[in-house]
Amino acid sequence: MKIVLKDFYAMGHITNDLEPFPHVGGGVTYSSVVAARLGLRAHIITKCAVDSPYIKELEALGITVHVLPARDKKFENKTTAFRNRYDKKGNRTQICPEIAEDITLDDLAHFPEIPKSSIILMAPVIGEISLDLLANFSLRHKLTMTPQGYFREVEKNHVVTTQPADLAYFKHIDTTILSLEDLAFSPDGSYLDEIKKVCPVVVCTQAEEGSQIFVEGKQIADIPAFMLEENEIIDFTGSGDSYAASFLYNKSQGYSLKEAGYFASLYAALKISGVGGKGHGLVTLPTKEQVDGYIKNHSARVSSFFNSKS
């Protein structure tokens, strides 16, 4: 199949993930690299330190990075940073010692021109994309959102806590892609039900339980996970963003939501198993050629997975 060349724009903060050593992270980073490796023209619209080495690193990966100028000079040298700390039981405490400036409607004059046919992913990490900007963009574009950042709140001691976000954010979004882990504050599923009332398409991933797709509040697909053996599991980092970007890629090529869900499930699993390359992080994200090669070399396994469509 010939790839339909489209522009992919991811908006939100790139991050400085401090452990186990400083490296670039954030939803915009993983999703845009996935888009580029699948053959789309990938862009990031972000705010970070003007001299951040991550800008050149991302550009070397084929990403066009649009760094918006800081409205307040005190943010010129700030890049959103995260540090994860684990206790003896494996429970995580997330620390956010530095936050870049918010992206608001006041920044719109510095945005690149975005073609109408573009795929646009709003991927906040700490609630940095303002509601007024979402409302403005939704007048001209269909928007997809990975809303994890809207659920995060930074306390005075820099510890990150989670809480429900204002449902007004979801009213301007065409497709929301999130995980059950994002919604840990609502174990009874009531908050997810509220999102489904205001957002036309909702995709909820559930790790090894697969994912579910809802349209206008009704479930239209139950997508299984592409199961991996324990010795195949290399790196989970960015798997949720990989699912989201590969879902949008497949959908942009003319496939149905259900077909896009199956492709995203496969792609996320191949990322976790390091098909893209040895190591951790961005290097594990596979290209379109590597995905096609895996499908060819594991035809029985992949066919069995795709033939499980209900």
C-alpha atoms as a PDB file:
ATOM      1  CA  MET A   1       0.000   0.000   0.000  1.00  0.00           C
ATOM      2  CA  LYS A   2       1.319   3.453  -0.915  1.00  0.00           C
ATOM      3  CA  ILE A   3       1.546   5.783   2.078  1.00  0.00           C
ATOM      4  CA  VAL A   4      -0.708   8.842   1.923  1.00  0.00           C
ATOM      5  CA  LEU A   5       1.756  11.590   2.856  1.00  0.00           C
ATOM      6  CA  LYS A   6       0.322  13.868   5.514  1.00  0.00           C
ATOM      7  CA  ASP A   7       1.615  16.318   8.084  1.00  0.00           C
ATOM      8  CA  PHE A   8       1.522  15.209  11.714  1.00  0.00           C
ATOM      9  CA  TYR A   9       1.597  17.940  14.369  1.00  0.00           C
ATOM     10  CA  ALA A  10       2.053  17.104  18.053  1.00  0.00           C
ATOM     11  CA  MET A  11       1.590  19.931  20.534  1.00  0.00           C
ATOM     12  CA  GLY A  12       2.854  20.034  24.129  1.00  0.00           C
ATOM     13  CA  HIS A  13       6.058  20.236  26.121  1.00  0.00           C
ATOM     14  CA  ILE A  14       9.043  18.105  25.263  1.00  0.00           C
ATOM     15  CA  THR A  15      10.473  16.959  28.592  1.00  0.00           C
ATOM     16  CA  ASN A  16      13.788  16.422  30.275  1.00  0.00           C
ATOM     17  CA  ASP A  17      13.384  12.990  31.863  1.00  0.00           C
ATOM     18  CA  LEU A  18      16.100  12.976  34.526  1.00  0.00           C
ATOM     19  CA  GLU A  19      16.375   9.277  35.364  1.00  0.00           C
ATOM     20  CA  PRO A  20      18.226   6.991  34.950  1.00  0.00           C
ATOM     21  CA  PHE A  21      20.066   9.790  33.097  1.00  0.00           C
ATOM     22  CA  PRO A  22      18.822  13.000  31.403  1.00  0.00           C
ATOM     23  CA  HIS A  23      17.085  12.235  28.114  1.00  0.00           C
ATOM     24  CA  VAL A  24      14.323  13.687  25.975  1.00  0.00           C
ATOM     25  CA  GLY A  25      10.776  12.525  26.650  1.00  0.00           C
ATOM     26  CA  GLY A  26       7.157  13.586  26.536  1.00  0.00           C
ATOM     27  CA  GLY A  27       4.125  12.565  24.522  1.00  0.00           C
ATOM     28  CA  VAL A  28       5.001  14.905  21.647  1.00  0.00           C
ATOM     29  CA  THR A  29       8.443  13.294  21.367  1.00  0.00           C
ATOM     30  CA  TYR A  30       7.347   9.676  21.139  1.00  0.00           C
ATOM     31  CA  SER A  31       4.297  10.339  18.981  1.00  0.00           C
ATOM     32  CA  SER A  32       6.147  12.501  16.450  1.00  0.00           C
ATOM     33  CA  VAL A  33       9.015  10.017  16.104  1.00  0.00           C
ATOM     34  CA  VAL A  34       6.462   7.243  15.492  1.00  0.00           C
ATOM     35  CA  ALA A  35       4.780   9.399  12.839  1.00  0.00           C
ATOM     36  CA  ALA A  36       8.111  10.069  11.129  1.00  0.00           C
ATOM     37  CA  ARG A  37       9.114   6.418  11.185  1.00  0.00           C
ATOM     38  CA  LEU A  38       5.810   5.441   9.628  1.00  0.00           C
ATOM     39  CA  GLY A  39       6.360   7.893   6.782  1.00  0.00           C
ATOM     40  CA  LEU A  40       4.506  11.063   7.763  1.00  0.00           C
ATOM     41  CA  ARG A  41       5.923  14.598   7.876  1.00  0.00           C
ATOM     42  CA  ALA A  42       6.253  15.062  11.626  1.00  0.00           C
ATOM     43  CA  HIS A  43       6.239  18.344  13.545  1.00  0.00           C
ATOM     44  CA  ILE A  44       6.340  19.353  17.199  1.00  0.00           C
ATOM     45  CA  ILE A  45       4.952  22.647  18.508  1.00  0.00           C
ATOM     46  CA  THR A  46       6.447  23.168  21.955  1.00  0.00           C
ATOM     47  CA  LYS A  47       8.052  25.386  24.560  1.00  0.00           C
ATOM     48  CA  CYS A  48      11.408  24.590  26.112  1.00  0.00           C
ATOM     49  CA  ALA A  49      14.768  26.173  26.855  1.00  0.00           C
ATOM     50  CA  VAL A  50      15.954  28.011  23.750  1.00  0.00           C
ATOM     51  CA  ASP A  51      19.318  26.235  23.878  1.00  0.00           C
ATOM     52  CA  SER A  52      17.962  22.765  24.657  1.00  0.00           C
ATOM     53  CA  PRO A  53      20.115  20.049  23.024  1.00  0.00           C
ATOM     54  CA  TYR A  54      16.929  18.045  22.545  1.00  0.00           C
ATOM     55  CA  ILE A  55      15.869  20.329  19.682  1.00  0.00           C
ATOM     56  CA  LYS A  56      18.777  19.215  17.486  1.00  0.00           C
ATOM     57  CA  GLU A  57      18.354  15.617  18.652  1.00  0.00           C
ATOM     58  CA  LEU A  58      14.744  15.589  17.465  1.00  0.00           C
ATOM     59  CA  GLU A  59      15.613  17.351  14.211  1.00  0.00           C
ATOM     60  CA  ALA A  60      18.222  14.652  13.564  1.00  0.00           C
ATOM     61  CA  LEU A  61      15.373  12.126  13.843  1.00  0.00           C
ATOM     62  CA  GLY A  62      13.481  13.874  11.043  1.00  0.00           C
ATOM     63  CA  ILE A  63      11.182  16.023  13.212  1.00  0.00           C
ATOM     64  CA  THR A  64      10.542  19.693  12.447  1.00  0.00           C
ATOM     65  CA  VAL A  65      10.561  21.376  15.862  1.00  0.00           C
ATOM     66  CA  HIS A  66       8.696  24.679  16.244  1.00  0.00           C
ATOM     67  CA  VAL A  67       9.837  26.226  19.544  1.00  0.00           C
ATOM     68  CA  LEU A  68       7.470  29.031  20.503  1.00  0.00           C
ATOM     69  CA  PRO A  69       9.139  32.089  22.069  1.00  0.00           C
ATOM     70  CA  ALA A  70       8.512  32.646  25.757  1.00  0.00           C
ATOM     71  CA  ARG A  71       6.108  35.451  26.544  1.00  0.00           C
ATOM     72  CA  ASP A  72       7.830  35.881  29.916  1.00  0.00           C
ATOM     73  CA  LYS A  73      11.645  35.937  29.823  1.00  0.00           C
ATOM     74  CA  LYS A  74      11.892  33.924  33.043  1.00  0.00           C
ATOM     75  CA  PHE A  75      10.809  30.859  31.026  1.00  0.00           C
ATOM     76  CA  GLU A  76      13.440  31.200  28.261  1.00  0.00           C
ATOM     77  CA  ASN A  77      15.735  28.650  29.915  1.00  0.00           C
ATOM     78  CA  LYS A  78      13.109  26.302  31.303  1.00  0.00           C
ATOM     79  CA  THR A  79      12.293  22.815  30.042  1.00  0.00           C
ATOM     80  CA  THR A  80       9.637  20.723  31.795  1.00  0.00           C
ATOM     81  CA  ALA A  81      11.456  18.032  33.780  1.00  0.00           C
ATOM     82  CA  PHE A  82      10.365  14.846  35.528  1.00  0.00           C
ATOM     83  CA  ARG A  83      12.032  12.550  38.011  1.00  0.00           C
ATOM     84  CA  ASN A  84      10.507   9.199  38.996  1.00  0.00           C
ATOM     85  CA  ARG A  85      11.230   7.723  42.412  1.00  0.00           C
ATOM     86  CA  TYR A  86      10.215   4.225  43.490  1.00  0.00           C
ATOM     87  CA  ASP A  87       9.872   2.751  46.962  1.00  0.00           C
ATOM     88  CA  LYS A  88      10.803  -0.827  47.894  1.00  0.00           C
ATOM     89  CA  LYS A  89       7.362  -2.013  46.797  1.00  0.00           C
ATOM     90  CA  GLY A  90       7.704  -0.425  43.356  1.00  0.00           C
ATOM     91  CA  ASN A  91       5.245   2.394  44.022  1.00  0.00           C
ATOM     92  CA  ARG A  92       6.143   5.498  42.010  1.00  0.00           C
ATOM     93  CA  THR A  93       6.349   9.083  43.179  1.00  0.00           C
ATOM     94  CA  GLN A  94       6.724  11.541  40.308  1.00  0.00           C
ATOM     95  CA  ILE A  95       8.611  14.797  40.848  1.00  0.00           C
ATOM     96  CA  CYS A  96       8.358  17.804  38.508  1.00  0.00           C
ATOM     97  CA  PRO A  97      11.188  20.213  39.463  1.00  0.00           C
ATOM     98  CA  GLU A  98      10.805  22.521  36.444  1.00  0.00           C
ATOM     99  CA  ILE A  99       7.926  23.546  34.179  1.00  0.00           C
ATOM    100  CA  ALA A 100       8.131  25.412  30.868  1.00  0.00           C
ATOM    101  CA  GLU A 101       5.673  28.163  29.982  1.00  0.00           C
ATOM    102  CA  ASP A 102       2.081  27.312  29.064  1.00  0.00           C
ATOM    103  CA  ILE A 103       0.998  27.289  25.420  1.00  0.00           C
ATOM    104  CA  THR A 104      -1.973  29.647  25.056  1.00  0.00           C
ATOM    105  CA  LEU A 105      -3.975  31.573  22.491  1.00  0.00           C
ATOM    106  CA  ASP A 106      -1.499  34.454  22.976  1.00  0.00           C
ATOM    107  CA  ASP A 107       1.142  32.295  21.247  1.00  0.00           C
ATOM    108  CA  LEU A 108      -0.926  31.725  18.112  1.00  0.00           C
ATOM    109  CA  ALA A 109       0.867  34.433  16.098  1.00  0.00           C
ATOM    110  CA  HIS A 110       4.071  32.356  16.329  1.00  0.00           C
ATOM    111  CA  PHE A 111       2.526  29.085  15.172  1.00  0.00           C
ATOM    112  CA  PRO A 112       3.522  27.579  11.824  1.00  0.00           C
ATOM    113  CA  GLU A 113       0.920  27.416   9.090  1.00  0.00           C
ATOM    114  CA  ILE A 114      -0.847  24.072   9.498  1.00  0.00           C
ATOM    115  CA  PRO A 115      -2.477  22.496   6.424  1.00  0.00           C
ATOM    116  CA  LYS A 116      -6.141  21.596   6.893  1.00  0.00           C
ATOM    117  CA  SER A 117      -5.460  17.941   6.072  1.00  0.00           C
ATOM    118  CA  SER A 118      -2.979  17.616   8.950  1.00  0.00           C
ATOM    119  CA  ILE A 119      -3.238  15.149  11.812  1.00  0.00           C
ATOM    120  CA  ILE A 120      -3.132  17.157  15.048  1.00  0.00           C
ATOM    121  CA  LEU A 121      -2.390  15.561  18.416  1.00  0.00           C
ATOM    122  CA  MET A 122      -2.675  17.565  21.609  1.00  0.00           C
ATOM    123  CA  ALA A 123      -0.322  15.845  24.069  1.00  0.00           C
ATOM    124  CA  PRO A 124       0.048  17.878  27.269  1.00  0.00           C
ATOM    125  CA  VAL A 125       2.301  16.502  30.011  1.00  0.00           C
ATOM    126  CA  ILE A 126       1.428  18.979  32.769  1.00  0.00           C
ATOM    127  CA  GLY A 127      -1.744  20.709  31.544  1.00  0.00           C
ATOM    128  CA  GLU A 128       0.233  23.233  29.488  1.00  0.00           C
ATOM    129  CA  ILE A 129      -2.163  23.610  26.533  1.00  0.00           C
ATOM    130  CA  SER A 130      -4.805  26.179  27.459  1.00  0.00           C
ATOM    131  CA  LEU A 131      -8.524  25.672  27.012  1.00  0.00           C
ATOM    132  CA  ASP A 132      -8.880  28.813  24.882  1.00  0.00           C
ATOM    133  CA  LEU A 133      -6.281  27.482  22.434  1.00  0.00           C
ATOM    134  CA  LEU A 134      -8.110  24.146  22.150  1.00  0.00           C
ATOM    135  CA  ALA A 135     -11.368  25.987  21.490  1.00  0.00           C
ATOM    136  CA  ASN A 136      -9.748  28.122  18.792  1.00  0.00           C
ATOM    137  CA  PHE A 137      -8.043  25.214  17.032  1.00  0.00           C
ATOM    138  CA  SER A 138     -11.202  23.104  17.049  1.00  0.00           C
ATOM    139  CA  LEU A 139     -12.912  25.682  14.835  1.00  0.00           C
ATOM    140  CA  ARG A 140     -10.563  24.772  11.955  1.00  0.00           C
ATOM    141  CA  HIS A 141      -9.240  21.295  12.693  1.00  0.00           C
ATOM    142  CA  LYS A 142     -10.341  17.945  14.074  1.00  0.00           C
ATOM    143  CA  LEU A 143      -8.231  17.355  17.160  1.00  0.00           C
ATOM    144  CA  THR A 144      -7.012  14.221  18.889  1.00  0.00           C
ATOM    145  CA  MET A 145      -5.853  14.372  22.497  1.00  0.00           C
ATOM    146  CA  THR A 146      -3.870  12.201  24.888  1.00  0.00           C
ATOM    147  CA  PRO A 147      -5.072  13.958  28.057  1.00  0.00           C
ATOM    148  CA  GLN A 148      -2.728  12.525  30.711  1.00  0.00           C
ATOM    149  CA  GLY A 149      -1.195  15.939  31.404  1.00  0.00           C
ATOM    150  CA  TYR A 150      -4.565  17.445  32.294  1.00  0.00           C
ATOM    151  CA  PHE A 151      -4.886  14.935  35.120  1.00  0.00           C
ATOM    152  CA  ARG A 152      -1.605  16.042  36.744  1.00  0.00           C
ATOM    153  CA  GLU A 153      -1.246  18.657  39.455  1.00  0.00           C
ATOM    154  CA  VAL A 154       2.120  19.789  40.858  1.00  0.00           C
ATOM    155  CA  GLU A 155       2.176  20.453  44.594  1.00  0.00           C
ATOM    156  CA  LYS A 156       4.436  23.010  46.315  1.00  0.00           C
ATOM    157  CA  ASN A 157       7.015  20.285  47.023  1.00  0.00           C
ATOM    158  CA  HIS A 158       7.103  19.465  43.274  1.00  0.00           C
ATOM    159  CA  VAL A 159       5.321  16.136  43.806  1.00  0.00           C
ATOM    160  CA  VAL A 160       2.853  15.286  41.041  1.00  0.00           C
ATOM    161  CA  THR A 161      -0.628  14.192  42.072  1.00  0.00           C
ATOM    162  CA  THR A 162      -3.536  13.122  39.856  1.00  0.00           C
ATOM    163  CA  GLN A 163      -7.109  14.303  39.744  1.00  0.00           C
ATOM    164  CA  PRO A 164     -10.010  14.583  37.267  1.00  0.00           C
ATOM    165  CA  ALA A 165      -9.722  17.283  34.608  1.00  0.00           C
ATOM    166  CA  ASP A 166     -12.438  19.744  33.666  1.00  0.00           C
ATOM    167  CA  LEU A 167     -14.626  18.019  31.064  1.00  0.00           C
ATOM    168  CA  ALA A 168     -14.616  21.275  29.073  1.00  0.00           C
ATOM    169  CA  TYR A 169     -11.270  20.211  27.575  1.00  0.00           C
ATOM    170  CA  PHE A 170     -12.874  17.172  25.954  1.00  0.00           C
ATOM    171  CA  LYS A 171     -15.699  19.166  24.343  1.00  0.00           C
ATOM    172  CA  HIS A 172     -13.270  20.539  21.748  1.00  0.00           C
ATOM    173  CA  ILE A 173     -11.746  17.159  20.886  1.00  0.00           C
ATOM    174  CA  ASP A 174     -12.824  14.745  18.155  1.00  0.00           C
ATOM    175  CA  THR A 175     -10.841  11.731  19.435  1.00  0.00           C
ATOM    176  CA  THR A 176      -9.489  11.079  22.930  1.00  0.00           C
ATOM    177  CA  ILE A 177      -6.928   8.309  23.473  1.00  0.00           C
ATOM    178  CA  LEU A 178      -6.136   7.442  27.078  1.00  0.00           C
ATOM    179  CA  SER A 179      -5.394   4.507  29.364  1.00  0.00           C
ATOM    180  CA  LEU A 180      -7.047   2.996  32.399  1.00  0.00           C
ATOM    181  CA  GLU A 181      -3.860   3.870  34.274  1.00  0.00           C
ATOM    182  CA  ASP A 182      -4.513   7.552  33.494  1.00  0.00           C
ATOM    183  CA  LEU A 183      -7.904   7.171  35.186  1.00  0.00           C
ATOM    184  CA  ALA A 184      -6.701   5.534  38.401  1.00  0.00           C
ATOM    185  CA  PHE A 185      -8.494   8.286  40.320  1.00  0.00           C
ATOM    186  CA  SER A 186     -11.818   6.908  39.014  1.00  0.00           C
ATOM    187  CA  PRO A 187     -11.707   3.119  39.475  1.00  0.00           C
ATOM    188  CA  ASP A 188     -15.467   2.753  39.014  1.00  0.00           C
ATOM    189  CA  GLY A 189     -15.241   4.057  35.430  1.00  0.00           C
ATOM    190  CA  SER A 190     -17.616   6.953  36.055  1.00  0.00           C
ATOM    191  CA  TYR A 191     -15.198   9.609  34.798  1.00  0.00           C
ATOM    192  CA  LEU A 192     -14.593   7.675  31.572  1.00  0.00           C
ATOM    193  CA  ASP A 193     -18.361   7.546  31.104  1.00  0.00           C
ATOM    194  CA  GLU A 194     -18.473  11.349  31.414  1.00  0.00           C
ATOM    195  CA  ILE A 195     -15.757  11.752  28.760  1.00  0.00           C
ATOM    196  CA  LYS A 196     -17.726   9.487  26.406  1.00  0.00           C
ATOM    197  CA  LYS A 197     -20.708  11.823  26.732  1.00  0.00           C
ATOM    198  CA  VAL A 198     -18.812  14.859  25.410  1.00  0.00           C
ATOM    199  CA  CYS A 199     -16.134  13.441  23.066  1.00  0.00           C
ATOM    200  CA  PRO A 200     -17.314  11.684  19.871  1.00  0.00           C
ATOM    201  CA  VAL A 201     -14.556   9.029  19.743  1.00  0.00           C
ATOM    202  CA  VAL A 202     -12.847   7.622  22.839  1.00  0.00           C
ATOM    203  CA  VAL A 203     -10.145   4.951  22.802  1.00  0.00           C
ATOM    204  CA  CYS A 204      -9.222   3.412  26.142  1.00  0.00           C
ATOM    205  CA  THR A 205      -6.152   1.186  26.364  1.00  0.00           C
ATOM    206  CA  GLN A 206      -5.889  -1.428  29.097  1.00  0.00           C
ATOM    207  CA  ALA A 207      -2.347  -2.854  28.853  1.00  0.00           C
ATOM    208  CA  GLU A 208      -2.467  -6.643  28.366  1.00  0.00           C
ATOM    209  CA  GLU A 209      -6.277  -6.455  28.259  1.00  0.00           C
ATOM    210  CA  GLY A 210      -6.124  -4.616  24.929  1.00  0.00           C
ATOM    211  CA  SER A 211      -8.198  -1.551  24.111  1.00  0.00           C
ATOM    212  CA  GLN A 212     -11.782  -0.496  23.581  1.00  0.00           C
ATOM    213  CA  ILE A 213     -13.143   2.008  21.071  1.00  0.00           C
ATOM    214  CA  PHE A 214     -16.303   4.011  21.723  1.00  0.00           C
ATOM    215  CA  VAL A 215     -18.224   6.172  19.255  1.00  0.00           C
ATOM    216  CA  GLU A 216     -20.912   8.512  20.586  1.00  0.00           C
ATOM    217  CA  GLY A 217     -20.761   6.622  23.870  1.00  0.00           C
ATOM    218  CA  LYS A 218     -21.275   3.158  22.367  1.00  0.00           C
ATOM    219  CA  GLN A 219     -18.541   0.539  22.199  1.00  0.00           C
ATOM    220  CA  ILE A 220     -17.809  -0.417  18.586  1.00  0.00           C
ATOM    221  CA  ALA A 221     -14.681  -2.523  19.035  1.00  0.00           C
ATOM    222  CA  ASP A 222     -12.843  -4.598  21.627  1.00  0.00           C
ATOM    223  CA  ILE A 223      -9.239  -4.835  20.442  1.00  0.00           C
ATOM    224  CA  PRO A 224      -7.043  -7.548  21.970  1.00  0.00           C
ATOM    225  CA  ALA A 225      -3.430  -6.891  22.905  1.00  0.00           C
ATOM    226  CA  PHE A 226      -0.785  -8.411  20.648  1.00  0.00           C
ATOM    227  CA  MET A 227       0.608 -10.719  23.294  1.00  0.00           C
ATOM    228  CA  LEU A 228       4.333 -10.991  23.930  1.00  0.00           C
ATOM    229  CA  GLU A 229       6.347 -13.670  25.666  1.00  0.00           C
ATOM    230  CA  GLU A 230       8.134 -12.525  28.818  1.00  0.00           C
ATOM    231  CA  ASN A 231      11.526 -12.745  27.113  1.00  0.00           C
ATOM    232  CA  GLU A 232      10.288 -10.456  24.312  1.00  0.00           C
ATOM    233  CA  ILE A 233       9.527  -7.529  26.622  1.00  0.00           C
ATOM    234  CA  ILE A 234      12.250  -4.881  26.438  1.00  0.00           C
ATOM    235  CA  ASP A 235      10.885  -1.398  27.177  1.00  0.00           C
ATOM    236  CA  PHE A 236       7.411  -0.054  27.983  1.00  0.00           C
ATOM    237  CA  THR A 237       8.446   3.624  27.847  1.00  0.00           C
ATOM    238  CA  GLY A 238       6.289   5.537  25.381  1.00  0.00           C
ATOM    239  CA  SER A 239       4.101   2.573  24.481  1.00  0.00           C
ATOM    240  CA  GLY A 240       0.900   4.547  25.067  1.00  0.00           C
ATOM    241  CA  ASP A 241       2.079   7.390  22.834  1.00  0.00           C
ATOM    242  CA  SER A 242       3.168   4.796  20.266  1.00  0.00           C
ATOM    243  CA  TYR A 243      -0.341   3.341  20.274  1.00  0.00           C
ATOM    244  CA  ALA A 244      -1.880   6.795  19.803  1.00  0.00           C
ATOM    245  CA  ALA A 245       0.378   7.895  16.934  1.00  0.00           C
ATOM    246  CA  SER A 246       0.207   4.584  15.068  1.00  0.00           C
ATOM    247  CA  PHE A 247      -3.593   4.575  15.503  1.00  0.00           C
ATOM    248  CA  LEU A 248      -3.779   8.037  13.907  1.00  0.00           C
ATOM    249  CA  TYR A 249      -1.359   7.026  11.148  1.00  0.00           C
ATOM    250  CA  ASN A 250      -3.409   3.970  10.171  1.00  0.00           C
ATOM    251  CA  LYS A 251      -6.657   5.930  10.303  1.00  0.00           C
ATOM    252  CA  SER A 252      -5.105   8.612   8.058  1.00  0.00           C
ATOM    253  CA  GLN A 253      -4.415   5.923   5.454  1.00  0.00           C
ATOM    254  CA  GLY A 254      -8.135   5.272   5.074  1.00  0.00           C
ATOM    255  CA  TYR A 255      -8.618   2.421   7.531  1.00  0.00           C
ATOM    256  CA  SER A 256     -11.547   2.143   9.939  1.00  0.00           C
ATOM    257  CA  LEU A 257     -11.287   2.891  13.651  1.00  0.00           C
ATOM    258  CA  LYS A 258     -11.323  -0.828  14.379  1.00  0.00           C
ATOM    259  CA  GLU A 259      -8.580  -1.561  11.847  1.00  0.00           C
ATOM    260  CA  ALA A 260      -6.543   1.327  13.252  1.00  0.00           C
ATOM    261  CA  GLY A 261      -6.947  -0.156  16.722  1.00  0.00           C
ATOM    262  CA  TYR A 262      -5.549  -3.500  15.592  1.00  0.00           C
ATOM    263  CA  PHE A 263      -2.597  -1.850  13.864  1.00  0.00           C
ATOM    264  CA  ALA A 264      -1.887   0.296  16.948  1.00  0.00           C
ATOM    265  CA  SER A 265      -2.012  -2.753  19.214  1.00  0.00           C
ATOM    266  CA  LEU A 266       0.537  -4.504  16.999  1.00  0.00           C
ATOM    267  CA  TYR A 267       2.760  -1.443  16.687  1.00  0.00           C
ATOM    268  CA  ALA A 268       2.836  -0.784  20.436  1.00  0.00           C
ATOM    269  CA  ALA A 269       3.801  -4.410  21.057  1.00  0.00           C
ATOM    270  CA  LEU A 270       6.608  -4.237  18.502  1.00  0.00           C
ATOM    271  CA  LYS A 271       7.875  -1.082  20.195  1.00  0.00           C
ATOM    272  CA  ILE A 272       7.826  -2.823  23.597  1.00  0.00           C
ATOM    273  CA  SER A 273       9.756  -5.762  22.134  1.00  0.00           C
ATOM    274  CA  GLY A 274      12.423  -3.505  20.639  1.00  0.00           C
ATOM    275  CA  VAL A 275      11.789  -4.233  16.969  1.00  0.00           C
ATOM    276  CA  GLY A 276      13.003  -0.721  16.151  1.00  0.00           C
ATOM    277  CA  GLY A 277      16.445  -1.290  17.621  1.00  0.00           C
ATOM    278  CA  LYS A 278      18.423  -2.457  20.618  1.00  0.00           C
ATOM    279  CA  GLY A 279      18.278  -0.340  23.756  1.00  0.00           C
ATOM    280  CA  HIS A 280      15.570   1.714  25.402  1.00  0.00           C
ATOM    281  CA  GLY A 281      13.473   4.745  24.536  1.00  0.00           C
ATOM    282  CA  LEU A 282      13.172   6.208  21.049  1.00  0.00           C
ATOM    283  CA  VAL A 283      15.515   3.702  19.419  1.00  0.00           C
ATOM    284  CA  THR A 284      12.971   0.913  19.988  1.00  0.00           C
ATOM    285  CA  LEU A 285      10.320   2.590  17.784  1.00  0.00           C
ATOM    286  CA  PRO A 286      10.027   0.584  14.536  1.00  0.00           C
ATOM    287  CA  THR A 287       9.835   2.017  11.034  1.00  0.00           C
ATOM    288  CA  LYS A 288       7.139   1.074   8.536  1.00  0.00           C
ATOM    289  CA  GLU A 289       9.659  -1.211   6.826  1.00  0.00           C
ATOM    290  CA  GLN A 290      10.457  -2.959  10.119  1.00  0.00           C
ATOM    291  CA  VAL A 291       6.754  -3.450  10.848  1.00  0.00           C
ATOM    292  CA  ASP A 292       6.203  -4.873   7.352  1.00  0.00           C
ATOM    293  CA  GLY A 293       9.252  -7.112   7.808  1.00  0.00           C
ATOM    294  CA  TYR A 294       7.952  -8.420  11.113  1.00  0.00           C
ATOM    295  CA  ILE A 295       4.545  -9.159   9.588  1.00  0.00           C
ATOM    296  CA  LYS A 296       6.212 -11.045   6.727  1.00  0.00           C
ATOM    297  CA  ASN A 297       8.557 -13.035   8.975  1.00  0.00           C
ATOM    298  CA  HIS A 298       5.868 -13.874  11.556  1.00  0.00           C
ATOM    299  CA  SER A 299       2.935 -14.268   9.192  1.00  0.00           C
ATOM    300  CA  ALA A 300       1.167 -17.053  11.114  1.00  0.00           C
ATOM    301  CA  ARG A 301       1.370 -15.202  14.433  1.00  0.00           C
ATOM    302  CA  VAL A 302       0.259 -11.875  12.974  1.00  0.00           C
ATOM    303  CA  SER A 303      -2.499 -13.433  10.858  1.00  0.00           C
ATOM    304  CA  SER A 304      -3.871 -15.173  13.926  1.00  0.00           C
ATOM    305  CA  PHE A 305      -3.954 -11.834  15.728  1.00  0.00           C
ATOM    306  CA  PHE A 306      -5.698  -9.930  12.931  1.00  0.00           C
ATOM    307  CA  ASN A 307      -8.096 -12.801  12.322  1.00  0.00           C
ATOM    308  CA  SER A 308      -9.246 -12.511  15.936  1.00  0.00           C
ATOM    309  CA  LYS A 309     -11.297  -9.449  14.923  1.00  0.00           C
ATOM    310  CA  SER A 310     -14.731  -9.821  16.413  1.00  0.00           C
END
